[in-house]
Amino acid sequence: MGNTFSNMGHLNAVTELEKEMDSNTAPIHSPLKPFSLKVPEHVLESLDFLAEMIGVSRSALIVKLFEQYLGQATYDYLDGYNSLSGHEKPIEVVISEDLDERLEASDLSDSAKQYLKNGLYHVAFEM
């Protein structure tokens, strides 16, 4: 009974996305660029504490946090944005298609687009 057409479509979409991600398995490389960030002192102290505890630099920790949570933030925003309209597709597919449309209209580099897609797919489809 759990094998509805909706579930089958969802599973097929996940399979297609996994294939696409497998074909893009090369790590995304781009030049490192510095940027400044102002945060409350307690946040900076906490970052430094955790970085030291883990044994990485503050920068490496922040990059790892971006890698882990940027996809989640993207997914959560687009989930909220798309929540007002009814959809016939699973919300993960709606969100993925919304991001694709936004990325296509953007002037982001291909590596930035792939980075955002990978992060979102990881959250949406638990990949």
Protein backbone atom coordinates (compact mmCIF):
# COMPACT_ATOMS: atom_id res chain seq x y z
CA MET A 1 0.00 0.00 0.00
CA GLY A 2 2.96 2.29 0.59
CA ASN A 3 3.95 2.16 -3.09
CA THR A 4 1.72 4.96 -4.37
CA PHE A 5 2.37 6.67 -7.67
CA SER A 6 3.52 9.72 -5.75
CA ASN A 7 6.05 7.65 -3.81
CA MET A 8 7.25 5.97 -7.01
CA GLY A 9 7.68 9.36 -8.67
CA HIS A 10 9.56 10.64 -5.66
CA LEU A 11 11.85 7.60 -5.68
CA ASN A 12 12.52 8.02 -9.40
CA ALA A 13 13.35 11.71 -8.88
CA VAL A 14 15.78 10.78 -6.10
CA THR A 15 17.39 8.14 -8.34
CA GLU A 16 17.83 10.68 -11.14
CA LEU A 17 19.34 13.22 -8.75
CA GLU A 18 21.72 10.60 -7.34
CA LYS A 19 22.87 9.80 -10.88
CA GLU A 20 23.40 13.51 -11.58
CA MET A 21 25.34 13.95 -8.36
CA ASP A 22 27.43 10.84 -9.09
CA SER A 23 28.38 12.32 -12.45
CA ASN A 24 29.47 15.51 -10.63
CA THR A 25 31.53 13.79 -7.94
CA ALA A 26 34.66 15.81 -8.62
CA PRO A 27 35.20 18.14 -5.70
CA ILE A 28 34.37 21.73 -6.41
CA HIS A 29 37.54 23.77 -6.49
CA SER A 30 37.75 27.50 -6.75
CA PRO A 31 40.18 30.12 -5.50
CA LEU A 32 40.00 30.98 -1.82
CA LYS A 33 38.84 34.52 -1.21
CA PRO A 34 39.05 36.31 2.11
CA PHE A 35 36.08 38.09 3.61
CA SER A 36 35.42 39.89 6.88
CA LEU A 37 32.71 38.97 9.28
CA LYS A 38 31.61 40.85 12.36
CA VAL A 39 30.11 38.66 15.06
CA PRO A 40 29.39 39.11 18.75
CA GLU A 41 32.43 38.41 20.90
CA HIS A 42 30.85 35.33 22.50
CA VAL A 43 30.33 33.80 19.04
CA LEU A 44 33.96 34.37 18.11
CA GLU A 45 35.13 32.91 21.42
CA SER A 46 32.89 29.89 20.85
CA LEU A 47 34.24 29.38 17.33
CA ASP A 48 37.81 29.60 18.57
CA PHE A 49 37.09 27.17 21.40
CA LEU A 50 35.49 24.61 19.08
CA ALA A 51 38.20 25.03 16.44
CA GLU A 52 40.89 24.41 19.05
CA MET A 53 39.00 21.44 20.48
CA ILE A 54 38.65 19.88 17.02
CA GLY A 55 42.18 20.80 16.02
CA VAL A 56 41.43 23.00 13.01
CA SER A 57 41.79 26.68 12.24
CA ARG A 58 38.88 29.05 12.73
CA SER A 59 38.65 29.46 8.94
CA ALA A 60 38.54 25.70 8.37
CA LEU A 61 35.78 25.38 10.97
CA ILE A 62 33.72 28.16 9.38
CA VAL A 63 34.09 26.61 5.92
CA LYS A 64 32.96 23.25 7.34
CA LEU A 65 29.97 24.93 8.99
CA PHE A 66 29.05 26.52 5.65
CA GLU A 67 29.36 23.17 3.90
CA GLN A 68 27.17 21.51 6.48
CA TYR A 69 24.49 24.16 6.97
CA LEU A 70 24.25 26.29 3.81
CA GLY A 71 22.17 23.59 2.11
CA GLN A 72 19.90 23.41 5.15
CA ALA A 73 19.43 27.19 5.19
CA THR A 74 18.67 27.17 1.45
CA TYR A 75 16.18 24.33 1.84
CA ASP A 76 14.46 25.92 4.85
CA TYR A 77 14.08 29.28 3.11
CA LEU A 78 12.69 27.78 -0.09
CA ASP A 79 10.41 25.47 1.91
CA GLY A 80 8.92 28.49 3.65
CA TYR A 81 8.74 30.45 0.41
CA ASN A 82 6.90 27.64 -1.39
CA SER A 83 4.64 26.73 1.53
CA LEU A 84 1.77 29.01 0.56
CA SER A 85 0.86 27.31 -2.68
CA GLY A 86 -0.47 23.81 -3.11
CA HIS A 87 1.74 21.46 -5.08
CA GLU A 88 1.11 18.14 -6.74
CA LYS A 89 4.77 17.22 -6.51
CA PRO A 90 6.62 16.35 -3.31
CA ILE A 91 7.92 19.50 -1.61
CA GLU A 92 11.52 18.35 -2.10
CA VAL A 93 11.02 18.35 -5.86
CA VAL A 94 9.26 21.75 -5.76
CA ILE A 95 12.15 23.22 -3.77
CA SER A 96 14.74 21.66 -6.06
CA GLU A 97 13.01 23.02 -9.16
CA ASP A 98 12.67 26.45 -7.55
CA LEU A 99 16.40 26.55 -6.81
CA ASP A 100 17.20 25.40 -10.36
CA GLU A 101 15.11 28.26 -11.80
CA ARG A 102 16.74 30.81 -9.51
CA LEU A 103 20.23 29.55 -10.32
CA GLU A 104 19.56 29.59 -14.04
CA ALA A 105 18.52 33.23 -13.81
CA SER A 106 21.62 34.11 -11.76
CA ASP A 107 25.10 35.02 -12.88
CA LEU A 108 26.77 32.67 -10.39
CA SER A 109 29.70 30.57 -11.53
CA ASP A 110 29.00 26.97 -12.44
CA SER A 111 30.91 25.81 -9.37
CA ALA A 112 28.79 28.04 -7.08
CA LYS A 113 25.61 26.73 -8.69
CA GLN A 114 26.73 23.13 -8.24
CA TYR A 115 27.76 23.83 -4.62
CA LEU A 116 24.29 25.17 -3.79
CA LYS A 117 22.55 22.31 -5.62
CA ASN A 118 24.66 19.69 -3.87
CA GLY A 119 23.92 21.21 -0.46
CA LEU A 120 20.21 21.39 -1.12
CA TYR A 121 20.01 17.87 -2.59
CA HIS A 122 21.84 16.51 0.45
CA VAL A 123 19.18 18.00 2.74
CA ALA A 124 16.12 17.44 0.56
CA PHE A 125 16.86 13.89 -0.50
CA GLU A 126 19.09 12.80 2.41
CA MET A 127 21.98 12.05 0.08
